[in-house]
């Protein structure tokens, strides 16, 4: 699966309260900044960790994971 980062960012992440971070190979990026996310070099079959901190973080995490899992190539 290829993660379309601009889709993720525009559809969900920018609307979340608090911090949203993506972690890959020990590097952390603010998921609200497309440039920071692109710098991680996420590609197909890349494993990333998603970390949220703020209001409704559990609900937002579920929404984000569901969105990512349903992306098509």
N, C-alpha and C. Protein backbone atom coordinates (compact mmCIF):
# COMPACT_ATOMS: atom_id res chain seq x y z
N UNK A 1 0.84 -1.18 0.00
CA UNK A 1 0.00 0.00 0.00
C UNK A 1 0.89 1.24 0.00
N UNK A 2 0.54 2.20 -0.78
CA UNK A 2 1.25 3.48 -0.79
C UNK A 2 0.41 4.46 0.02
N UNK A 3 1.02 5.07 1.01
CA UNK A 3 0.31 6.05 1.81
C UNK A 3 0.37 7.38 1.08
N UNK A 4 -0.78 7.90 0.75
CA UNK A 4 -0.86 9.21 0.11
C UNK A 4 -0.87 10.26 1.21
N UNK A 5 0.31 10.77 1.52
CA UNK A 5 0.47 11.63 2.68
C UNK A 5 -0.37 12.90 2.61
N UNK A 6 -0.51 13.45 1.43
CA UNK A 6 -1.31 14.66 1.33
C UNK A 6 -2.76 14.36 1.66
N UNK A 7 -3.25 13.17 1.29
CA UNK A 7 -4.60 12.77 1.63
C UNK A 7 -4.76 12.66 3.14
N UNK A 8 -3.81 11.98 3.77
CA UNK A 8 -3.88 11.80 5.22
C UNK A 8 -3.87 13.16 5.91
N UNK A 9 -2.97 14.01 5.49
CA UNK A 9 -2.83 15.31 6.13
C UNK A 9 -4.09 16.15 5.96
N UNK A 10 -4.59 16.25 4.76
CA UNK A 10 -5.73 17.14 4.52
C UNK A 10 -7.02 16.58 5.08
N UNK A 11 -7.19 15.28 5.04
CA UNK A 11 -8.45 14.68 5.47
C UNK A 11 -8.59 14.62 6.98
N UNK A 12 -7.51 14.41 7.70
CA UNK A 12 -7.62 14.16 9.12
C UNK A 12 -6.68 14.97 10.00
N UNK A 13 -5.41 14.82 9.78
CA UNK A 13 -4.40 15.25 10.74
C UNK A 13 -4.49 16.73 11.09
N UNK A 14 -4.68 17.58 10.13
CA UNK A 14 -4.72 19.02 10.42
C UNK A 14 -5.89 19.39 11.31
N UNK A 15 -6.93 18.58 11.33
CA UNK A 15 -8.11 18.88 12.14
C UNK A 15 -8.02 18.32 13.55
N UNK A 16 -7.02 17.53 13.85
CA UNK A 16 -6.88 16.95 15.18
C UNK A 16 -6.34 18.01 16.14
N UNK A 17 -6.87 18.01 17.35
CA UNK A 17 -6.31 18.85 18.41
C UNK A 17 -5.06 18.16 18.95
N UNK A 18 -4.08 18.92 19.33
CA UNK A 18 -2.87 18.35 19.92
C UNK A 18 -1.86 17.92 18.88
N UNK A 19 -0.89 17.12 19.34
CA UNK A 19 0.21 16.68 18.49
C UNK A 19 -0.12 15.37 17.80
N UNK A 20 0.31 15.28 16.56
CA UNK A 20 0.22 14.03 15.80
C UNK A 20 1.60 13.82 15.20
N UNK A 21 2.20 12.69 15.54
CA UNK A 21 3.55 12.41 15.07
C UNK A 21 3.62 11.06 14.38
N UNK A 22 4.48 10.98 13.39
CA UNK A 22 4.81 9.72 12.73
C UNK A 22 6.27 9.41 13.06
N UNK A 23 6.54 8.15 13.35
CA UNK A 23 7.88 7.73 13.73
C UNK A 23 8.31 6.60 12.81
N UNK A 24 9.48 6.76 12.20
CA UNK A 24 10.05 5.74 11.31
C UNK A 24 11.55 5.67 11.55
N UNK A 25 12.03 4.49 11.84
CA UNK A 25 13.48 4.26 12.03
C UNK A 25 14.07 5.23 13.05
N UNK A 26 13.35 5.51 14.13
CA UNK A 26 13.84 6.38 15.18
C UNK A 26 13.72 7.86 14.90
N UNK A 27 13.22 8.23 13.72
CA UNK A 27 13.03 9.63 13.37
C UNK A 27 11.57 9.99 13.55
N UNK A 28 11.31 11.15 14.15
CA UNK A 28 9.95 11.60 14.42
C UNK A 28 9.63 12.82 13.58
N UNK A 29 8.40 12.83 13.03
CA UNK A 29 7.95 13.96 12.22
C UNK A 29 6.59 14.43 12.70
N UNK A 30 6.42 15.74 12.70
CA UNK A 30 5.12 16.34 12.96
C UNK A 30 4.24 16.03 11.76
N UNK A 31 3.18 15.24 11.98
CA UNK A 31 2.33 14.81 10.86
C UNK A 31 1.49 15.94 10.29
N UNK A 32 1.47 17.09 10.95
CA UNK A 32 0.73 18.24 10.43
C UNK A 32 1.55 19.01 9.41
N UNK A 33 2.81 18.65 9.28
CA UNK A 33 3.69 19.31 8.31
C UNK A 33 4.05 18.31 7.21
N UNK A 34 3.53 18.52 6.02
CA UNK A 34 3.78 17.60 4.92
C UNK A 34 5.28 17.50 4.62
N UNK A 35 6.02 18.57 4.80
CA UNK A 35 7.46 18.53 4.53
C UNK A 35 8.18 17.64 5.53
N UNK A 36 7.79 17.70 6.81
CA UNK A 36 8.39 16.82 7.82
C UNK A 36 8.06 15.36 7.52
N UNK A 37 6.84 15.10 7.12
CA UNK A 37 6.43 13.73 6.82
C UNK A 37 7.18 13.21 5.59
N UNK A 38 7.28 14.02 4.57
CA UNK A 38 8.01 13.60 3.36
C UNK A 38 9.46 13.29 3.67
N UNK A 39 10.05 14.01 4.62
CA UNK A 39 11.45 13.79 4.98
C UNK A 39 11.67 12.40 5.60
N UNK A 40 10.62 11.78 6.11
CA UNK A 40 10.76 10.43 6.67
C UNK A 40 10.98 9.39 5.58
N UNK A 41 10.58 9.68 4.36
CA UNK A 41 10.78 8.74 3.26
C UNK A 41 9.90 7.51 3.37
N UNK A 42 8.66 7.71 3.76
CA UNK A 42 7.72 6.59 3.88
C UNK A 42 7.34 6.11 2.48
N UNK A 43 7.46 4.79 2.29
CA UNK A 43 7.08 4.20 1.00
C UNK A 43 6.24 2.95 1.26
N UNK A 44 5.86 2.30 0.19
CA UNK A 44 5.03 1.10 0.29
C UNK A 44 5.68 0.09 1.24
N UNK A 45 4.85 -0.50 2.08
CA UNK A 45 5.27 -1.52 3.05
C UNK A 45 6.21 -0.99 4.14
N UNK A 46 6.26 0.31 4.32
CA UNK A 46 7.04 0.90 5.39
C UNK A 46 6.23 0.84 6.68
N UNK A 47 6.87 0.41 7.75
CA UNK A 47 6.20 0.39 9.04
C UNK A 47 6.46 1.70 9.76
N UNK A 48 5.39 2.34 10.21
CA UNK A 48 5.51 3.58 10.96
C UNK A 48 4.70 3.47 12.24
N UNK A 49 5.09 4.24 13.22
CA UNK A 49 4.35 4.36 14.47
C UNK A 49 3.65 5.70 14.45
N UNK A 50 2.40 5.71 14.87
CA UNK A 50 1.62 6.94 14.94
C UNK A 50 1.45 7.27 16.42
N UNK A 51 1.76 8.51 16.80
CA UNK A 51 1.62 8.93 18.19
C UNK A 51 0.77 10.20 18.22
N UNK A 52 -0.27 10.17 19.03
CA UNK A 52 -1.14 11.33 19.20
C UNK A 52 -1.14 11.75 20.66
N UNK A 53 -1.23 13.03 20.88
CA UNK A 53 -1.30 13.57 22.23
C UNK A 53 -2.23 14.77 22.20
N UNK A 54 -3.35 14.67 22.90
CA UNK A 54 -4.30 15.77 22.93
C UNK A 54 -5.70 15.27 23.16
N UNK A 55 -6.66 16.16 22.97
CA UNK A 55 -8.05 15.80 23.17
C UNK A 55 -8.47 14.74 22.16
N UNK A 56 -9.30 13.80 22.61
CA UNK A 56 -9.86 12.76 21.75
C UNK A 56 -8.80 11.92 21.05
N UNK A 57 -7.65 11.74 21.68
CA UNK A 57 -6.55 11.06 20.99
C UNK A 57 -6.90 9.61 20.63
N UNK A 58 -7.61 8.90 21.48
CA UNK A 58 -7.95 7.51 21.16
C UNK A 58 -8.91 7.45 19.97
N UNK A 59 -9.91 8.31 19.98
CA UNK A 59 -10.87 8.36 18.87
C UNK A 59 -10.17 8.76 17.57
N UNK A 60 -9.32 9.78 17.65
CA UNK A 60 -8.61 10.25 16.46
C UNK A 60 -7.65 9.18 15.93
N UNK A 61 -7.01 8.45 16.82
CA UNK A 61 -6.10 7.39 16.39
C UNK A 61 -6.86 6.31 15.63
N UNK A 62 -8.00 5.92 16.13
CA UNK A 62 -8.82 4.93 15.44
C UNK A 62 -9.20 5.42 14.04
N UNK A 63 -9.61 6.67 13.94
CA UNK A 63 -9.99 7.24 12.64
C UNK A 63 -8.81 7.25 11.68
N UNK A 64 -7.65 7.65 12.16
CA UNK A 64 -6.46 7.73 11.32
C UNK A 64 -6.01 6.35 10.85
N UNK A 65 -5.98 5.38 11.75
CA UNK A 65 -5.57 4.02 11.38
C UNK A 65 -6.56 3.44 10.37
N UNK A 66 -7.84 3.64 10.60
CA UNK A 66 -8.85 3.15 9.66
C UNK A 66 -8.67 3.78 8.28
N UNK A 67 -8.41 5.07 8.26
CA UNK A 67 -8.21 5.77 6.99
C UNK A 67 -7.00 5.20 6.24
N UNK A 68 -5.88 5.04 6.95
CA UNK A 68 -4.66 4.54 6.33
C UNK A 68 -4.85 3.11 5.82
N UNK A 69 -5.51 2.27 6.63
CA UNK A 69 -5.71 0.88 6.22
C UNK A 69 -6.62 0.77 4.99
N UNK A 70 -7.45 1.76 4.75
CA UNK A 70 -8.37 1.71 3.63
C UNK A 70 -7.86 2.42 2.39
N UNK A 71 -6.65 2.96 2.43
CA UNK A 71 -6.08 3.60 1.25
C UNK A 71 -5.80 2.55 0.19
N UNK A 72 -5.97 2.92 -1.05
CA UNK A 72 -5.68 2.02 -2.16
C UNK A 72 -4.47 2.55 -2.91
N UNK A 73 -3.79 1.64 -3.58
CA UNK A 73 -2.64 2.04 -4.39
C UNK A 73 -3.05 2.96 -5.50
